[in-house]
C-alpha atoms as a PDB file:
ATOM      1  CA  MET A   1       0.000   0.000   0.000  1.00  0.00           C
ATOM      2  CA  PRO A   2       1.257   3.496  -0.786  1.00  0.00           C
ATOM      3  CA  MET A   3       1.859   5.818   2.140  1.00  0.00           C
ATOM      4  CA  GLU A   4       0.920   9.490   1.865  1.00  0.00           C
ATOM      5  CA  VAL A   5       3.344  12.006   3.355  1.00  0.00           C
ATOM      6  CA  PHE A   6       2.037  15.447   4.323  1.00  0.00           C
ATOM      7  CA  ASP A   7       5.335  17.170   5.257  1.00  0.00           C
ATOM      8  CA  PRO A   8       7.555  18.241   2.316  1.00  0.00           C
ATOM      9  CA  GLU A   9      10.693  18.162   4.495  1.00  0.00           C
ATOM     10  CA  GLU A  10      10.049  14.535   5.436  1.00  0.00           C
ATOM     11  CA  PHE A  11       9.456  13.732   1.756  1.00  0.00           C
ATOM     12  CA  ILE A  12      12.851  15.212   0.870  1.00  0.00           C
ATOM     13  CA  ARG A  13      14.516  13.122   3.608  1.00  0.00           C
ATOM     14  CA  ILE A  14      12.893   9.967   2.240  1.00  0.00           C
ATOM     15  CA  SER A  15      14.244  10.808  -1.234  1.00  0.00           C
ATOM     16  CA  GLU A  16      17.775  10.040   0.008  1.00  0.00           C
ATOM     17  CA  ARG A  17      16.958   6.318  -0.044  1.00  0.00           C
ATOM     18  CA  ALA A  18      14.525   6.373  -2.996  1.00  0.00           C
ATOM     19  CA  LEU A  19      15.229   4.725  -6.330  1.00  0.00           C
ATOM     20  CA  TYR A  20      13.357   7.393  -8.305  1.00  0.00           C
ATOM     21  CA  CYS A  21      10.637  10.053  -8.124  1.00  0.00           C
ATOM     22  CA  LEU A  22       7.696  10.184 -10.505  1.00  0.00           C
ATOM     23  CA  VAL A  23       6.014  13.580 -11.074  1.00  0.00           C
ATOM     24  CA  LYS A  24       2.358  13.477 -12.123  1.00  0.00           C
ATOM     25  CA  ARG A  25       0.823  16.861 -13.029  1.00  0.00           C
ATOM     26  CA  SER A  26      -2.964  17.127 -13.226  1.00  0.00           C
ATOM     27  CA  GLY A  27      -4.552  20.557 -13.277  1.00  0.00           C
ATOM     28  CA  ASP A  28      -4.170  22.414 -10.007  1.00  0.00           C
ATOM     29  CA  ILE A  29      -2.304  19.642  -8.149  1.00  0.00           C
ATOM     30  CA  VAL A  30       1.051  17.891  -8.571  1.00  0.00           C
ATOM     31  CA  LYS A  31       1.511  14.416  -7.166  1.00  0.00           C
ATOM     32  CA  LEU A  32       5.064  13.346  -6.356  1.00  0.00           C
ATOM     33  CA  LYS A  33       5.710   9.625  -5.936  1.00  0.00           C
ATOM     34  CA  LEU A  34       8.890   8.244  -4.379  1.00  0.00           C
ATOM     35  CA  ARG A  35       9.710   4.578  -4.922  1.00  0.00           C
ATOM     36  CA  THR A  36      11.909   3.071  -2.204  1.00  0.00           C
ATOM     37  CA  PRO A  37      12.890  -0.610  -2.102  1.00  0.00           C
ATOM     38  CA  SER A  38      10.087  -1.362   0.349  1.00  0.00           C
ATOM     39  CA  ARG A  39       7.321   1.219  -0.182  1.00  0.00           C
ATOM     40  CA  LEU A  40       5.798   3.906  -2.404  1.00  0.00           C
ATOM     41  CA  TYR A  41       5.444   7.368  -0.828  1.00  0.00           C
ATOM     42  CA  THR A  42       3.219  10.102  -2.261  1.00  0.00           C
ATOM     43  CA  LEU A  43       2.973  13.846  -1.673  1.00  0.00           C
ATOM     44  CA  LYS A  44       0.309  16.161  -3.137  1.00  0.00           C
ATOM     45  CA  VAL A  45       1.267  19.823  -3.523  1.00  0.00           C
ATOM     46  CA  LYS A  46       0.391  22.933  -5.508  1.00  0.00           C
ATOM     47  CA  PRO A  47       2.361  23.505  -8.742  1.00  0.00           C
ATOM     48  CA  GLU A  48       4.253  26.499  -7.251  1.00  0.00           C
ATOM     49  CA  GLU A  49       5.537  24.404  -4.336  1.00  0.00           C
ATOM     50  CA  ALA A  50       6.336  21.392  -6.518  1.00  0.00           C
ATOM     51  CA  GLU A  51       9.179  23.028  -8.452  1.00  0.00           C
ATOM     52  CA  ASP A  52      11.023  23.929  -5.237  1.00  0.00           C
ATOM     53  CA  ILE A  53      10.610  20.418  -3.832  1.00  0.00           C
ATOM     54  CA  ILE A  54      11.699  18.751  -7.098  1.00  0.00           C
ATOM     55  CA  ARG A  55      14.929  20.782  -7.132  1.00  0.00           C
ATOM     56  CA  ARG A  56      15.758  19.552  -3.624  1.00  0.00           C
ATOM     57  CA  LEU A  57      15.123  15.832  -4.214  1.00  0.00           C
ATOM     58  CA  ARG A  58      18.148  13.541  -4.020  1.00  0.00           C
ATOM     59  CA  CYS A  59      17.101  10.918  -6.551  1.00  0.00           C
ATOM     60  CA  GLU A  60      16.306  10.569 -10.240  1.00  0.00           C
ATOM     61  CA  VAL A  61      13.194  12.565 -11.232  1.00  0.00           C
ATOM     62  CA  THR A  62      10.922  11.433 -14.096  1.00  0.00           C
ATOM     63  CA  GLU A  63       7.895  13.272 -15.489  1.00  0.00           C
ATOM     64  CA  ALA A  64       4.814  11.077 -16.022  1.00  0.00           C
ATOM     65  CA  ARG A  65       2.859  11.443 -19.229  1.00  0.00           C
END
């Protein structure tokens, strides 16, 4: 089961051990998904906040279609 994270700082810490991050943009919300070896973590943010968070991630970032 995926686990939703509500704190962007915690999400960035989790990215240190993530394999990759998937960015899914849909209208007025951006969903970031971190895949770690054991779990999938998600974070929903506004598009303005997403760009700042994506720059700070410590793993490979891929845009979803």
